[in-house]
């Protein structure tokens, strides 16, 4: 039998902001959870799209031509090649769905950048 995943319980194990954790996989897509707080880093993913689903809190997704404001229950797909910067004034819980090939901060490397191995 395949075990289910309690997403709320999985979030309780996330200790650091901006440090996604893989909780599942469907074909070549990874399902990750992350707690966000503050401003991240401007970046893009040349060949991959990312889906952000807000579980708790609020998220501002900044784009070069404006911002999208999201709350619990909202989701947003960031198209491939589009520069974006997630910002959460208060703690925000998100589910991310993205191809396994997606690098955390695209071609930008900062102290917050996590390798895929660090996300397991």
Protein backbone atom coordinates (compact mmCIF):
# COMPACT_ATOMS: atom_id res chain seq x y z
CA UNK A 1 0.00 0.00 0.00
CA UNK A 2 1.21 3.52 -0.82
CA UNK A 3 1.17 5.84 2.22
CA UNK A 4 -0.59 9.19 2.10
CA UNK A 5 1.09 12.48 2.99
CA UNK A 6 -0.33 14.87 5.55
CA UNK A 7 0.79 18.25 4.20
CA UNK A 8 0.19 20.10 7.50
CA UNK A 9 2.41 17.59 9.33
CA UNK A 10 5.06 17.89 6.62
CA UNK A 11 5.16 21.68 7.11
CA UNK A 12 5.78 21.17 10.84
CA UNK A 13 9.12 19.56 9.93
CA UNK A 14 10.29 22.56 7.87
CA UNK A 15 12.57 24.64 10.08
CA UNK A 16 14.23 27.17 7.75
CA UNK A 17 12.69 29.80 5.52
CA UNK A 18 13.41 29.59 1.77
CA UNK A 19 14.53 25.96 2.08
CA UNK A 20 12.13 23.81 0.02
CA UNK A 21 11.62 20.16 0.93
CA UNK A 22 10.55 17.50 -1.56
CA UNK A 23 7.48 15.62 -0.31
CA UNK A 24 6.41 13.81 -3.47
CA UNK A 25 6.88 13.20 -7.17
CA UNK A 26 4.51 12.73 -10.12
CA UNK A 27 6.37 11.64 -13.24
CA UNK A 28 9.17 14.23 -13.62
CA UNK A 29 7.44 16.85 -11.44
CA UNK A 30 8.48 17.35 -7.84
CA UNK A 31 6.06 18.47 -5.16
CA UNK A 32 7.85 20.62 -2.61
CA UNK A 33 6.81 22.58 0.44
CA UNK A 34 8.49 25.68 1.78
CA UNK A 35 8.06 28.32 4.43
CA UNK A 36 8.79 31.81 3.16
CA UNK A 37 9.43 35.04 5.01
CA UNK A 38 11.04 38.22 3.76
CA UNK A 39 12.35 38.82 0.26
CA UNK A 40 13.99 36.05 -1.78
CA UNK A 41 16.09 36.82 -4.87
CA UNK A 42 15.30 37.90 -8.43
CA UNK A 43 15.77 34.90 -10.72
CA UNK A 44 14.26 32.91 -13.55
CA UNK A 45 14.15 29.34 -14.79
CA UNK A 46 14.97 29.33 -18.50
CA UNK A 47 13.37 25.98 -19.29
CA UNK A 48 10.91 25.25 -16.47
CA UNK A 49 7.63 26.61 -15.17
CA UNK A 50 6.89 26.72 -11.43
CA UNK A 51 3.53 26.44 -9.73
CA UNK A 52 3.05 28.18 -6.36
CA UNK A 53 0.03 27.16 -4.26
CA UNK A 54 -0.45 29.21 -1.08
CA UNK A 55 -1.45 27.09 1.91
CA UNK A 56 -1.13 29.71 4.64
CA UNK A 57 -0.28 33.41 4.68
CA UNK A 58 0.23 35.85 1.82
CA UNK A 59 2.77 36.06 -0.97
CA UNK A 60 3.66 38.87 -3.32
CA UNK A 61 5.21 37.62 -6.55
CA UNK A 62 7.15 40.45 -8.08
CA UNK A 63 7.67 40.55 -11.84
CA UNK A 64 9.55 43.11 -13.88
CA UNK A 65 6.21 44.58 -15.06
CA UNK A 66 4.30 44.46 -11.75
CA UNK A 67 3.28 42.24 -8.84
CA UNK A 68 0.67 39.58 -8.13
CA UNK A 69 -0.68 39.26 -4.58
CA UNK A 70 -1.73 35.80 -3.43
CA UNK A 71 -3.43 34.49 -0.31
CA UNK A 72 -4.33 31.09 1.11
CA UNK A 73 -5.99 28.97 -1.55
CA UNK A 74 -4.52 30.95 -4.45
CA UNK A 75 -2.06 29.58 -6.98
CA UNK A 76 0.15 31.03 -9.67
CA UNK A 77 2.21 29.49 -12.44
CA UNK A 78 5.40 31.39 -13.25
CA UNK A 79 6.18 30.87 -16.95
CA UNK A 80 9.61 29.65 -17.96
CA UNK A 81 12.12 32.40 -18.58
CA UNK A 82 10.19 35.03 -16.58
CA UNK A 83 12.20 36.85 -13.91
CA UNK A 84 10.41 36.84 -10.58
CA UNK A 85 11.02 37.51 -6.90
CA UNK A 86 8.80 36.05 -4.15
CA UNK A 87 8.22 38.29 -1.12
CA UNK A 88 6.35 37.36 2.08
CA UNK A 89 6.03 40.03 4.76
CA UNK A 90 4.90 37.41 7.28
CA UNK A 91 5.45 33.65 7.32
CA UNK A 92 3.87 32.02 4.28
CA UNK A 93 3.49 28.31 3.52
CA UNK A 94 3.63 27.26 -0.12
CA UNK A 95 3.43 24.08 -2.13
CA UNK A 96 5.65 24.19 -5.21
CA UNK A 97 5.28 21.93 -8.22
CA UNK A 98 8.12 22.03 -10.70
CA UNK A 99 10.22 19.75 -12.91
CA UNK A 100 13.00 17.88 -11.14
CA UNK A 101 15.50 19.76 -13.32
CA UNK A 102 14.53 23.14 -11.81
CA UNK A 103 17.42 24.80 -10.01
CA UNK A 104 16.31 26.59 -6.84
CA UNK A 105 17.46 30.07 -7.91
CA UNK A 106 18.00 29.47 -11.62
CA UNK A 107 21.41 30.70 -12.76
CA UNK A 108 21.75 32.97 -9.70
CA UNK A 109 23.68 31.55 -6.74
CA UNK A 110 23.28 33.11 -3.29
CA UNK A 111 23.66 31.97 0.30
CA UNK A 112 20.01 30.92 0.13
CA UNK A 113 20.46 28.66 -2.93
CA UNK A 114 19.72 25.00 -2.17
CA UNK A 115 20.86 22.06 -4.27
CA UNK A 116 18.32 19.38 -5.09
CA UNK A 117 20.08 17.05 -2.61
CA UNK A 118 19.55 19.65 0.12
CA UNK A 119 15.82 19.66 -0.65
CA UNK A 120 15.33 16.01 0.36
